[in-house]
C-alpha atoms as a PDB file:
ATOM      1  CA  MET A   1     -80.499 -61.817 187.204  1.00  0.00           C
ATOM      2  CA  VAL A   2     -79.877 -58.201 188.208  1.00  0.00           C
ATOM      3  CA  ARG A   3     -81.235 -55.631 185.776  1.00  0.00           C
ATOM      4  CA  VAL A   4     -80.220 -52.021 185.143  1.00  0.00           C
ATOM      5  CA  ASN A   5     -83.529 -50.934 186.699  1.00  0.00           C
ATOM      6  CA  ASP A   6     -82.691 -52.850 189.900  1.00  0.00           C
ATOM      7  CA  VAL A   7     -79.442 -50.916 190.265  1.00  0.00           C
ATOM      8  CA  HIS A   8     -81.208 -47.663 189.447  1.00  0.00           C
ATOM      9  CA  GLU A   9     -83.878 -48.221 192.095  1.00  0.00           C
ATOM     10  CA  TYR A  10     -81.255 -49.047 194.707  1.00  0.00           C
ATOM     11  CA  LEU A  11     -79.249 -45.919 193.930  1.00  0.00           C
ATOM     12  CA  LYS A  12     -82.387 -43.794 194.199  1.00  0.00           C
ATOM     13  CA  SER A  13     -83.089 -45.356 197.590  1.00  0.00           C
ATOM     14  CA  ILE A  14     -79.710 -44.229 198.963  1.00  0.00           C
ATOM     15  CA  ALA A  15     -79.613 -40.896 197.103  1.00  0.00           C
ATOM     16  CA  PRO A  16     -83.221 -39.732 196.699  1.00  0.00           C
ATOM     17  CA  VAL A  17     -83.850 -37.719 193.543  1.00  0.00           C
ATOM     18  CA  GLU A  18     -85.642 -35.102 195.666  1.00  0.00           C
ATOM     19  CA  MET A  19     -82.192 -34.032 196.893  1.00  0.00           C
ATOM     20  CA  LYS A  20     -80.916 -32.968 193.485  1.00  0.00           C
ATOM     21  CA  MET A  21     -80.516 -29.326 192.525  1.00  0.00           C
ATOM     22  CA  GLU A  22     -82.985 -27.893 190.042  1.00  0.00           C
ATOM     23  CA  PHE A  23     -80.499 -27.686 187.151  1.00  0.00           C
ATOM     24  CA  ASP A  24     -79.359 -31.279 187.539  1.00  0.00           C
ATOM     25  CA  ASN A  25     -79.927 -34.351 185.395  1.00  0.00           C
ATOM     26  CA  VAL A  26     -79.698 -37.646 187.275  1.00  0.00           C
ATOM     27  CA  GLY A  27     -80.808 -41.252 186.921  1.00  0.00           C
ATOM     28  CA  LEU A  28     -80.677 -43.723 184.062  1.00  0.00           C
ATOM     29  CA  LEU A  29     -79.425 -41.489 181.247  1.00  0.00           C
ATOM     30  CA  VAL A  30     -78.374 -44.064 178.630  1.00  0.00           C
ATOM     31  CA  GLY A  31     -79.416 -47.628 177.923  1.00  0.00           C
ATOM     32  CA  ARG A  32     -82.230 -50.108 178.570  1.00  0.00           C
ATOM     33  CA  GLY A  33     -83.681 -50.493 182.038  1.00  0.00           C
ATOM     34  CA  GLU A  34     -84.504 -54.154 181.443  1.00  0.00           C
ATOM     35  CA  ALA A  35     -80.966 -55.040 180.343  1.00  0.00           C
ATOM     36  CA  ASP A  36     -79.131 -57.626 182.469  1.00  0.00           C
ATOM     37  CA  VAL A  37     -76.133 -56.531 184.526  1.00  0.00           C
ATOM     38  CA  SER A  38     -73.211 -58.832 185.298  1.00  0.00           C
ATOM     39  CA  ARG A  39     -70.492 -56.217 185.715  1.00  0.00           C
ATOM     40  CA  ILE A  40     -70.584 -52.567 186.864  1.00  0.00           C
ATOM     41  CA  LEU A  41     -67.820 -50.011 186.372  1.00  0.00           C
ATOM     42  CA  VAL A  42     -67.868 -47.079 188.838  1.00  0.00           C
ATOM     43  CA  SER A  43     -66.259 -43.752 187.959  1.00  0.00           C
ATOM     44  CA  LEU A  44     -66.546 -40.092 188.877  1.00  0.00           C
ATOM     45  CA  ASP A  45     -67.047 -39.167 185.209  1.00  0.00           C
ATOM     46  CA  ILE A  46     -67.956 -40.920 181.987  1.00  0.00           C
ATOM     47  CA  THR A  47     -65.090 -40.134 179.642  1.00  0.00           C
ATOM     48  CA  HIS A  48     -64.052 -41.808 176.405  1.00  0.00           C
ATOM     49  CA  ASP A  49     -61.375 -43.641 178.401  1.00  0.00           C
ATOM     50  CA  VAL A  50     -63.946 -44.919 180.887  1.00  0.00           C
ATOM     51  CA  ILE A  51     -66.238 -46.111 178.095  1.00  0.00           C
ATOM     52  CA  ALA A  52     -63.328 -47.922 176.457  1.00  0.00           C
ATOM     53  CA  GLU A  53     -62.523 -49.514 179.831  1.00  0.00           C
ATOM     54  CA  ALA A  54     -66.123 -50.670 180.189  1.00  0.00           C
ATOM     55  CA  LEU A  55     -66.057 -52.215 176.732  1.00  0.00           C
ATOM     56  CA  ASP A  56     -62.663 -53.845 177.294  1.00  0.00           C
ATOM     57  CA  THR A  57     -63.682 -55.355 180.648  1.00  0.00           C
ATOM     58  CA  GLY A  58     -67.185 -56.432 179.630  1.00  0.00           C
ATOM     59  CA  ALA A  59     -69.061 -54.025 181.905  1.00  0.00           C
ATOM     60  CA  ASP A  60     -72.787 -53.758 181.138  1.00  0.00           C
ATOM     61  CA  LEU A  61     -73.289 -50.606 183.229  1.00  0.00           C
ATOM     62  CA  ILE A  62     -71.327 -47.519 184.222  1.00  0.00           C
ATOM     63  CA  VAL A  63     -72.354 -45.785 187.435  1.00  0.00           C
ATOM     64  CA  SER A  64     -70.927 -42.280 187.643  1.00  0.00           C
ATOM     65  CA  HIS A  65     -71.270 -39.194 189.779  1.00  0.00           C
ATOM     66  CA  HIS A  66     -71.218 -36.519 187.095  1.00  0.00           C
ATOM     67  CA  PRO A  67     -74.010 -36.638 184.502  1.00  0.00           C
ATOM     68  CA  LEU A  68     -73.055 -37.528 180.964  1.00  0.00           C
ATOM     69  CA  PHE A  69     -75.209 -34.615 179.777  1.00  0.00           C
ATOM     70  CA  PHE A  70     -77.623 -32.020 181.118  1.00  0.00           C
ATOM     71  CA  SER A  71     -79.626 -31.234 177.976  1.00  0.00           C
ATOM     72  CA  LEU A  72     -79.503 -32.458 174.409  1.00  0.00           C
ATOM     73  CA  LYS A  73     -80.905 -31.398 171.054  1.00  0.00           C
ATOM     74  CA  SER A  74     -79.269 -34.147 169.019  1.00  0.00           C
ATOM     75  CA  VAL A  75     -77.150 -37.264 169.481  1.00  0.00           C
ATOM     76  CA  THR A  76     -74.531 -37.828 166.782  1.00  0.00           C
ATOM     77  CA  ASP A  77     -70.885 -38.795 166.753  1.00  0.00           C
ATOM     78  CA  ALA A  78     -69.995 -35.293 165.527  1.00  0.00           C
ATOM     79  CA  ASP A  79     -69.505 -33.942 169.053  1.00  0.00           C
ATOM     80  CA  THR A  80     -67.902 -35.260 172.231  1.00  0.00           C
ATOM     81  CA  THR A  81     -71.079 -35.942 174.208  1.00  0.00           C
ATOM     82  CA  GLY A  82     -72.972 -37.447 171.294  1.00  0.00           C
ATOM     83  CA  GLY A  83     -69.988 -39.596 170.412  1.00  0.00           C
ATOM     84  CA  LYS A  84     -69.895 -41.031 173.924  1.00  0.00           C
ATOM     85  CA  ILE A  85     -73.606 -41.814 173.853  1.00  0.00           C
ATOM     86  CA  VAL A  86     -73.237 -43.540 170.480  1.00  0.00           C
ATOM     87  CA  LYS A  87     -70.348 -45.637 171.842  1.00  0.00           C
ATOM     88  CA  LEU A  88     -72.358 -46.646 174.903  1.00  0.00           C
ATOM     89  CA  LEU A  89     -75.436 -47.643 172.925  1.00  0.00           C
ATOM     90  CA  THR A  90     -73.430 -49.431 170.234  1.00  0.00           C
ATOM     91  CA  GLY A  91     -71.532 -51.358 172.904  1.00  0.00           C
ATOM     92  CA  GLY A  92     -74.644 -52.215 174.918  1.00  0.00           C
ATOM     93  CA  VAL A  93     -73.456 -50.290 177.986  1.00  0.00           C
ATOM     94  CA  SER A  94     -75.957 -48.383 180.128  1.00  0.00           C
ATOM     95  CA  ALA A  95     -75.156 -45.315 182.232  1.00  0.00           C
ATOM     96  CA  ILE A  96     -76.625 -44.233 185.568  1.00  0.00           C
ATOM     97  CA  CYS A  97     -75.538 -40.895 187.019  1.00  0.00           C
ATOM     98  CA  MET A  98     -76.137 -39.751 190.610  1.00  0.00           C
ATOM     99  CA  HIS A  99     -74.973 -36.161 191.023  1.00  0.00           C
ATOM    100  CA  THR A 100     -76.151 -33.471 193.456  1.00  0.00           C
ATOM    101  CA  ASN A 101     -78.534 -35.939 195.119  1.00  0.00           C
ATOM    102  CA  LEU A 102     -75.494 -38.088 195.943  1.00  0.00           C
ATOM    103  CA  ASP A 103     -73.666 -34.974 197.159  1.00  0.00           C
ATOM    104  CA  ALA A 104     -76.343 -34.420 199.805  1.00  0.00           C
ATOM    105  CA  ALA A 105     -77.294 -37.997 200.726  1.00  0.00           C
ATOM    106  CA  ARG A 106     -76.101 -39.467 204.008  1.00  0.00           C
ATOM    107  CA  GLY A 107     -73.230 -41.755 203.092  1.00  0.00           C
ATOM    108  CA  GLY A 108     -72.724 -39.785 199.876  1.00  0.00           C
ATOM    109  CA  VAL A 109     -70.132 -37.300 198.650  1.00  0.00           C
ATOM    110  CA  GLY A 110     -70.552 -34.946 201.612  1.00  0.00           C
ATOM    111  CA  ASP A 111     -69.850 -37.653 204.161  1.00  0.00           C
ATOM    112  CA  ALA A 112     -67.050 -39.241 202.106  1.00  0.00           C
ATOM    113  CA  LEU A 113     -65.268 -35.888 201.909  1.00  0.00           C
ATOM    114  CA  ALA A 114     -65.886 -35.247 205.618  1.00  0.00           C
ATOM    115  CA  ARG A 115     -64.103 -38.515 206.412  1.00  0.00           C
ATOM    116  CA  ALA A 116     -61.222 -37.679 204.082  1.00  0.00           C
ATOM    117  CA  ALA A 117     -60.989 -34.235 205.683  1.00  0.00           C
ATOM    118  CA  GLY A 118     -60.824 -35.731 209.174  1.00  0.00           C
ATOM    119  CA  ILE A 119     -64.075 -34.358 210.590  1.00  0.00           C
ATOM    120  CA  SER A 120     -65.957 -37.671 210.525  1.00  0.00           C
ATOM    121  CA  ARG A 121     -64.408 -40.760 212.094  1.00  0.00           C
ATOM    122  CA  ASP A 122     -65.182 -43.985 213.961  1.00  0.00           C
ATOM    123  CA  GLY A 123     -68.824 -43.959 212.898  1.00  0.00           C
ATOM    124  CA  GLU A 124     -69.321 -40.357 214.024  1.00  0.00           C
ATOM    125  CA  GLU A 125     -71.026 -38.348 211.305  1.00  0.00           C
ATOM    126  CA  ALA A 126     -70.244 -34.720 210.648  1.00  0.00           C
ATOM    127  CA  SER A 127     -73.137 -32.265 211.039  1.00  0.00           C
ATOM    128  CA  LEU A 128     -75.029 -30.672 208.164  1.00  0.00           C
ATOM    129  CA  LEU A 129     -73.513 -27.380 207.077  1.00  0.00           C
ATOM    130  CA  ALA A 130     -76.907 -25.893 206.166  1.00  0.00           C
ATOM    131  CA  GLU A 131     -80.509 -26.871 205.522  1.00  0.00           C
ATOM    132  CA  ASP A 132     -80.389 -26.779 201.739  1.00  0.00           C
ATOM    133  CA  GLY A 133     -83.654 -28.664 201.297  1.00  0.00           C
ATOM    134  CA  TYR A 134     -86.091 -31.117 202.804  1.00  0.00           C
ATOM    135  CA  LEU A 135     -87.244 -34.606 201.887  1.00  0.00           C
ATOM    136  CA  PRO A 136     -91.003 -35.343 201.797  1.00  0.00           C
ATOM    137  CA  SER A 137     -90.573 -36.750 205.321  1.00  0.00           C
ATOM    138  CA  GLY A 138     -89.461 -33.320 206.484  1.00  0.00           C
ATOM    139  CA  GLU A 139     -85.861 -34.422 207.022  1.00  0.00           C
ATOM    140  CA  ALA A 140     -83.358 -31.690 206.146  1.00  0.00           C
ATOM    141  CA  PHE A 141     -80.418 -32.328 203.852  1.00  0.00           C
ATOM    142  CA  SER A 142     -77.284 -30.385 202.975  1.00  0.00           C
ATOM    143  CA  TYR A 143     -74.556 -30.445 200.354  1.00  0.00           C
ATOM    144  CA  GLY A 144     -71.948 -29.597 202.995  1.00  0.00           C
ATOM    145  CA  ARG A 145     -70.688 -30.896 206.327  1.00  0.00           C
ATOM    146  CA  VAL A 146     -69.107 -29.341 209.411  1.00  0.00           C
ATOM    147  CA  GLY A 147     -67.200 -30.876 212.305  1.00  0.00           C
ATOM    148  CA  PHE A 148     -64.037 -30.910 214.383  1.00  0.00           C
ATOM    149  CA  LEU A 149     -60.645 -32.476 213.744  1.00  0.00           C
ATOM    150  CA  ALA A 150     -59.461 -34.892 216.441  1.00  0.00           C
ATOM    151  CA  LYS A 151     -57.094 -32.144 217.587  1.00  0.00           C
ATOM    152  CA  PRO A 152     -56.133 -28.663 216.354  1.00  0.00           C
ATOM    153  CA  CYS A 153     -53.126 -28.379 214.070  1.00  0.00           C
ATOM    154  CA  GLY A 154     -51.378 -25.766 211.974  1.00  0.00           C
ATOM    155  CA  LEU A 155     -52.819 -25.125 208.545  1.00  0.00           C
ATOM    156  CA  GLN A 156     -49.692 -26.359 206.758  1.00  0.00           C
ATOM    157  CA  GLU A 157     -49.781 -29.603 208.746  1.00  0.00           C
ATOM    158  CA  TYR A 158     -53.461 -30.017 207.995  1.00  0.00           C
ATOM    159  CA  MET A 159     -52.956 -29.435 204.276  1.00  0.00           C
ATOM    160  CA  GLU A 160     -50.202 -32.062 204.168  1.00  0.00           C
ATOM    161  CA  ALA A 161     -52.577 -34.634 205.663  1.00  0.00           C
ATOM    162  CA  LEU A 162     -55.465 -33.523 203.441  1.00  0.00           C
ATOM    163  CA  LYS A 163     -53.324 -33.629 200.311  1.00  0.00           C
ATOM    164  CA  SER A 164     -52.429 -37.230 201.096  1.00  0.00           C
ATOM    165  CA  SER A 165     -55.982 -38.343 201.921  1.00  0.00           C
ATOM    166  CA  LEU A 166     -57.418 -36.739 198.768  1.00  0.00           C
ATOM    167  CA  GLY A 167     -54.559 -37.790 196.490  1.00  0.00           C
ATOM    168  CA  ALA A 168     -54.270 -34.175 195.374  1.00  0.00           C
ATOM    169  CA  GLY A 169     -51.429 -32.718 193.337  1.00  0.00           C
ATOM    170  CA  GLY A 170     -51.619 -29.434 195.220  1.00  0.00           C
ATOM    171  CA  PHE A 171     -53.950 -26.787 196.612  1.00  0.00           C
ATOM    172  CA  ARG A 172     -54.877 -23.172 196.113  1.00  0.00           C
ATOM    173  CA  TYR A 173     -55.475 -21.701 199.555  1.00  0.00           C
ATOM    174  CA  TYR A 174     -55.759 -18.654 201.787  1.00  0.00           C
ATOM    175  CA  ASP A 175     -54.004 -18.767 205.160  1.00  0.00           C
ATOM    176  CA  ALA A 176     -55.840 -16.695 207.747  1.00  0.00           C
ATOM    177  CA  GLY A 177     -53.133 -17.396 210.314  1.00  0.00           C
ATOM    178  CA  ARG A 178     -55.384 -19.700 212.312  1.00  0.00           C
ATOM    179  CA  ALA A 179     -54.980 -23.296 213.382  1.00  0.00           C
ATOM    180  CA  ALA A 180     -57.313 -25.822 211.743  1.00  0.00           C
ATOM    181  CA  HIS A 181     -59.825 -27.362 214.128  1.00  0.00           C
ATOM    182  CA  LYS A 182     -63.455 -26.639 213.197  1.00  0.00           C
ATOM    183  CA  VAL A 183     -63.716 -27.453 209.500  1.00  0.00           C
ATOM    184  CA  ALA A 184     -66.512 -27.182 206.931  1.00  0.00           C
ATOM    185  CA  THR A 185     -66.463 -29.142 203.679  1.00  0.00           C
ATOM    186  CA  VAL A 186     -68.384 -29.095 200.401  1.00  0.00           C
ATOM    187  CA  GLY A 187     -67.464 -31.452 197.558  1.00  0.00           C
ATOM    188  CA  GLY A 188     -67.011 -29.839 194.158  1.00  0.00           C
ATOM    189  CA  ALA A 189     -67.805 -26.202 193.486  1.00  0.00           C
ATOM    190  CA  GLY A 190     -68.888 -25.023 196.943  1.00  0.00           C
ATOM    191  CA  GLY A 191     -67.475 -21.512 197.205  1.00  0.00           C
ATOM    192  CA  SER A 192     -70.960 -20.054 197.627  1.00  0.00           C
ATOM    193  CA  GLU A 193     -71.210 -21.886 200.970  1.00  0.00           C
ATOM    194  CA  LEU A 194     -68.391 -19.889 202.606  1.00  0.00           C
ATOM    195  CA  ALA A 195     -70.865 -17.751 204.541  1.00  0.00           C
ATOM    196  CA  HIS A 196     -72.332 -20.894 206.142  1.00  0.00           C
ATOM    197  CA  ALA A 197     -68.862 -22.006 207.237  1.00  0.00           C
ATOM    198  CA  TYR A 198     -68.261 -18.577 208.737  1.00  0.00           C
ATOM    199  CA  ALA A 199     -71.653 -18.589 210.495  1.00  0.00           C
ATOM    200  CA  HIS A 200     -70.728 -21.923 212.101  1.00  0.00           C
ATOM    201  CA  GLY A 201     -67.576 -20.356 213.505  1.00  0.00           C
ATOM    202  CA  CYS A 202     -65.281 -22.518 211.376  1.00  0.00           C
ATOM    203  CA  ASP A 203     -61.608 -21.645 211.132  1.00  0.00           C
ATOM    204  CA  THR A 204     -61.183 -23.653 207.886  1.00  0.00           C
ATOM    205  CA  PHE A 205     -63.306 -24.326 204.789  1.00  0.00           C
ATOM    206  CA  VAL A 206     -62.454 -27.030 202.239  1.00  0.00           C
ATOM    207  CA  THR A 207     -64.144 -27.086 198.834  1.00  0.00           C
ATOM    208  CA  ALA A 208     -63.193 -26.648 195.149  1.00  0.00           C
ATOM    209  CA  ASP A 209     -63.422 -24.414 192.077  1.00  0.00           C
ATOM    210  CA  ILE A 210     -63.062 -21.313 194.261  1.00  0.00           C
ATOM    211  CA  LYS A 211     -63.375 -17.976 192.463  1.00  0.00           C
ATOM    212  CA  TYR A 212     -61.215 -14.957 193.226  1.00  0.00           C
ATOM    213  CA  ASP A 213     -63.982 -13.041 194.997  1.00  0.00           C
ATOM    214  CA  VAL A 214     -64.475 -15.945 197.418  1.00  0.00           C
ATOM    215  CA  PHE A 215     -60.792 -15.834 198.349  1.00  0.00           C
ATOM    216  CA  LEU A 216     -61.203 -12.112 199.031  1.00  0.00           C
ATOM    217  CA  GLU A 217     -64.258 -12.834 201.172  1.00  0.00           C
ATOM    218  CA  ALA A 218     -62.327 -15.479 203.128  1.00  0.00           C
ATOM    219  CA  LYS A 219     -59.680 -12.848 203.852  1.00  0.00           C
ATOM    220  CA  GLU A 220     -62.355 -10.472 205.118  1.00  0.00           C
ATOM    221  CA  PHE A 221     -63.892 -13.206 207.281  1.00  0.00           C
ATOM    222  CA  GLY A 222     -60.504 -14.345 208.579  1.00  0.00           C
ATOM    223  CA  ILE A 223     -61.098 -18.000 207.674  1.00  0.00           C
ATOM    224  CA  ASN A 224     -58.660 -20.476 206.121  1.00  0.00           C
ATOM    225  CA  LEU A 225     -59.811 -21.471 202.635  1.00  0.00           C
ATOM    226  CA  ILE A 226     -58.576 -24.546 200.748  1.00  0.00           C
ATOM    227  CA  ASP A 227     -59.392 -25.340 197.125  1.00  0.00           C
ATOM    228  CA  GLY A 228     -58.905 -29.113 197.049  1.00  0.00           C
ATOM    229  CA  GLY A 229     -59.860 -29.522 193.392  1.00  0.00           C
ATOM    230  CA  HIS A 230     -63.166 -30.695 191.957  1.00  0.00           C
ATOM    231  CA  PHE A 231     -62.039 -34.226 191.170  1.00  0.00           C
ATOM    232  CA  CYS A 232     -60.190 -34.760 194.436  1.00  0.00           C
ATOM    233  CA  THR A 233     -62.965 -33.497 196.709  1.00  0.00           C
ATOM    234  CA  GLU A 234     -65.571 -35.708 195.052  1.00  0.00           C
ATOM    235  CA  ASN A 235     -63.629 -38.810 194.032  1.00  0.00           C
ATOM    236  CA  PRO A 236     -63.688 -40.304 197.590  1.00  0.00           C
ATOM    237  CA  ILE A 237     -67.283 -41.348 196.865  1.00  0.00           C
ATOM    238  CA  VAL A 238     -66.243 -43.756 194.098  1.00  0.00           C
ATOM    239  CA  ASN A 239     -64.874 -46.483 196.364  1.00  0.00           C
ATOM    240  CA  VAL A 240     -67.742 -45.957 198.819  1.00  0.00           C
ATOM    241  CA  LEU A 241     -70.280 -46.378 196.021  1.00  0.00           C
ATOM    242  CA  ALA A 242     -68.517 -49.450 194.667  1.00  0.00           C
ATOM    243  CA  GLY A 243     -68.582 -51.026 198.130  1.00  0.00           C
ATOM    244  CA  ALA A 244     -72.290 -50.326 198.534  1.00  0.00           C
ATOM    245  CA  LEU A 245     -73.051 -51.886 195.139  1.00  0.00           C
ATOM    246  CA  ARG A 246     -70.999 -54.988 195.968  1.00  0.00           C
ATOM    247  CA  ALA A 247     -72.884 -55.439 199.228  1.00  0.00           C
ATOM    248  CA  LYS A 248     -76.289 -55.000 197.584  1.00  0.00           C
ATOM    249  CA  PHE A 249     -75.590 -57.079 194.463  1.00  0.00           C
ATOM    250  CA  PRO A 250     -73.099 -59.802 195.486  1.00  0.00           C
ATOM    251  CA  ASP A 251     -73.575 -61.691 192.218  1.00  0.00           C
ATOM    252  CA  VAL A 252     -72.495 -58.673 190.164  1.00  0.00           C
ATOM    253  CA  GLU A 253     -68.821 -57.890 189.622  1.00  0.00           C
ATOM    254  CA  VAL A 254     -68.167 -54.260 190.591  1.00  0.00           C
ATOM    255  CA  SER A 255     -64.914 -52.460 189.811  1.00  0.00           C
ATOM    256  CA  VAL A 256     -63.609 -48.909 190.076  1.00  0.00           C
ATOM    257  CA  SER A 257     -62.230 -47.292 186.944  1.00  0.00           C
ATOM    258  CA  GLU A 258     -58.464 -47.538 186.652  1.00  0.00           C
ATOM    259  CA  ARG A 259     -58.276 -45.214 183.655  1.00  0.00           C
ATOM    260  CA  HIS A 260     -59.975 -42.118 185.028  1.00  0.00           C
ATOM    261  CA  GLY A 261     -58.094 -39.553 187.064  1.00  0.00           C
ATOM    262  CA  ASP A 262     -57.811 -35.846 187.702  1.00  0.00           C
ATOM    263  CA  ALA A 263     -57.430 -33.855 184.481  1.00  0.00           C
ATOM    264  CA  VAL A 264     -55.820 -30.975 186.407  1.00  0.00           C
ATOM    265  CA  CYS A 265     -52.030 -30.933 186.684  1.00  0.00           C
ATOM    266  CA  PHE A 266     -49.789 -28.687 188.785  1.00  0.00           C
ATOM    267  CA  PHE A 267     -46.618 -26.982 187.537  1.00  0.00           C
ATOM    268  CA  ALA A 268     -44.110 -26.391 190.326  1.00  0.00           C
END
């Protein structure tokens, strides 16, 4: 029988904890490591809806990208986070969260977004955007990727294709008047990596949660900047992760959450 610890060890093998950022909280965050697992629910976040879905479908374990919590002083049902933890424990559902380590890992969020953005295809991996850290082996890792589209295209044409591949409701963007060809990507809040995209000679940078000053900097650099949304730039990893879990644990039923989606809406 597969145990929660077995799944946890596998996830650490594909997304080493050494890759996480200092602030982060990853790993088995709720539940018993020795508990049996017959069904896994995969989701970008652990929301009340996702927990209810796990309980309704008989999932023993939720594997998510975003951590359920970063620090705690108490766990009660008087607040949102505590209430979710109480529901998980009461329902016998464990939670494993792989966050910034999964962003950086090969085959993780960075590569999933690179494929969705069209700079990684047919088994060809996009290059690392920077050397953000090193594994004990000395291998460098990065939270971003950089590569070329199959052919240059206008920014509007590129955004139409990107919107479709990400399932986005819309974008915030800066148009530098350049065609899209050499593109850098960072899943989630990656505005601080704009300088790396510029140093690589990119004409286009795709990330999320972009602040006003970063848009101004993109204008100064003369680089196209696309805010694809936090959920949409990271959610491509969910199906990838579910597929990896199915391949590793064929006797465990693995499903992707059908109740979790982007909380951001667009008014047109």
